[in-house]
Amino acid sequence: MLALTLEEFMLELNDGAIKNVGPNNKEATVKLFDVDTAEAREFGDKRIKLVFEDEDDNEVQVSLFPEDVRRIAEDIEALEEDSPVFD
């Protein structure tokens, strides 16, 4: 399931063209639950792309620098040691 929340978001649709309306104060939150597949791959010369997809073919891609991926890997290792999720 993909949940998308948009704040202060308004578009103008005019003759098939979509245009931003209002100031540049938009925010978005995307959540993908019940992920079926997850993978990591190179993205350009300096980043790693994490790709997550659910059974409905909803997909979220996240591009991170290697140091950010390492931090996430450390967080997961800490969870493996302390969290009942990994029991």
Protein backbone atom coordinates (compact mmCIF):
# COMPACT_ATOMS: atom_id res chain seq x y z
CA MET A 1 0.00 0.00 0.00
CA LEU A 2 1.32 3.40 -0.99
CA ALA A 3 0.30 6.40 1.12
CA LEU A 4 1.03 9.86 -0.26
CA THR A 5 0.42 12.99 1.81
CA LEU A 6 0.75 16.39 0.17
CA GLU A 7 0.66 19.59 2.21
CA GLU A 8 -0.20 23.04 0.87
CA PHE A 9 -0.53 21.54 -2.58
CA MET A 10 -2.51 23.03 -5.42
CA LEU A 11 -2.24 22.50 -9.16
CA GLU A 12 -3.82 24.27 -12.06
CA LEU A 13 -4.99 22.15 -14.97
CA ASN A 14 -5.43 24.25 -18.10
CA ASP A 15 -5.76 22.76 -21.61
CA GLY A 16 -4.07 19.54 -20.47
CA ALA A 17 -1.07 21.31 -18.91
CA ILE A 18 -0.36 21.01 -15.19
CA LYS A 19 1.04 24.06 -13.44
CA ASN A 20 2.04 24.72 -9.84
CA VAL A 21 -0.22 27.26 -8.15
CA GLY A 22 0.87 29.29 -5.13
CA PRO A 23 4.14 29.60 -3.23
CA ASN A 24 6.94 27.02 -3.02
CA ASN A 25 5.98 25.78 0.45
CA LYS A 26 4.85 22.29 -0.54
CA GLU A 27 5.73 19.20 1.48
CA ALA A 28 5.21 15.53 0.72
CA THR A 29 5.42 12.32 2.70
CA VAL A 30 5.47 8.93 0.99
CA LYS A 31 5.02 5.65 2.84
CA LEU A 32 5.15 2.21 1.28
CA PHE A 33 3.86 -0.69 3.36
CA ASP A 34 4.00 -4.44 2.75
CA VAL A 35 7.09 -4.24 0.55
CA ASP A 36 7.57 -7.36 -1.59
CA THR A 37 10.95 -6.54 -3.10
CA ALA A 38 13.84 -4.36 -2.04
CA GLU A 39 17.15 -3.89 -3.78
CA ALA A 40 20.21 -1.66 -3.78
CA ARG A 41 22.14 -0.68 -6.90
CA GLU A 42 24.61 1.90 -8.12
CA PHE A 43 23.17 5.25 -9.10
CA GLY A 44 25.54 7.47 -11.02
CA ASP A 45 29.14 7.73 -9.87
CA LYS A 46 28.60 8.58 -6.21
CA ARG A 47 25.27 7.28 -4.97
CA ILE A 48 23.36 4.14 -4.17
CA LYS A 49 19.72 3.75 -5.12
CA LEU A 50 17.41 1.78 -2.85
CA VAL A 51 14.29 0.54 -4.65
CA PHE A 52 11.23 -0.80 -2.82
CA GLU A 53 8.13 -2.27 -4.50
CA ASP A 54 4.87 -3.72 -3.19
CA GLU A 55 2.52 -6.33 -4.68
CA ASP A 56 0.51 -3.62 -6.47
CA ASP A 57 3.66 -2.45 -8.33
CA ASN A 58 3.86 0.77 -6.30
CA GLU A 59 7.53 1.74 -6.17
CA VAL A 60 9.63 4.09 -4.08
CA GLN A 61 13.22 4.91 -5.03
CA VAL A 62 15.68 6.60 -2.69
CA SER A 63 19.12 7.83 -3.73
CA LEU A 64 21.72 8.03 -0.94
CA PHE A 65 25.41 8.70 -0.58
CA PRO A 66 27.48 5.72 0.67
CA GLU A 67 27.97 7.24 4.14
CA ASP A 68 24.20 7.45 4.59
CA VAL A 69 23.80 3.81 3.53
CA ARG A 70 26.49 2.81 6.03
CA ARG A 71 24.62 4.66 8.81
CA ILE A 72 21.42 2.81 7.94
CA ALA A 73 23.30 -0.50 7.93
CA GLU A 74 24.64 0.32 11.41
CA ASP A 75 21.11 1.14 12.60
CA ILE A 76 19.90 -2.23 11.30
CA GLU A 77 22.77 -4.05 13.04
CA ALA A 78 21.85 -2.32 16.31
CA LEU A 79 18.23 -3.38 15.87
CA GLU A 80 19.32 -6.97 15.27
CA GLU A 81 21.03 -6.94 18.66
CA ASP A 82 18.36 -5.13 20.69
CA SER A 83 14.97 -5.34 19.01
CA PRO A 84 12.37 -8.09 19.44
CA VAL A 85 11.61 -7.61 15.73
CA PHE A 86 14.60 -9.86 14.95
CA ASP A 87 13.70 -12.61 17.44
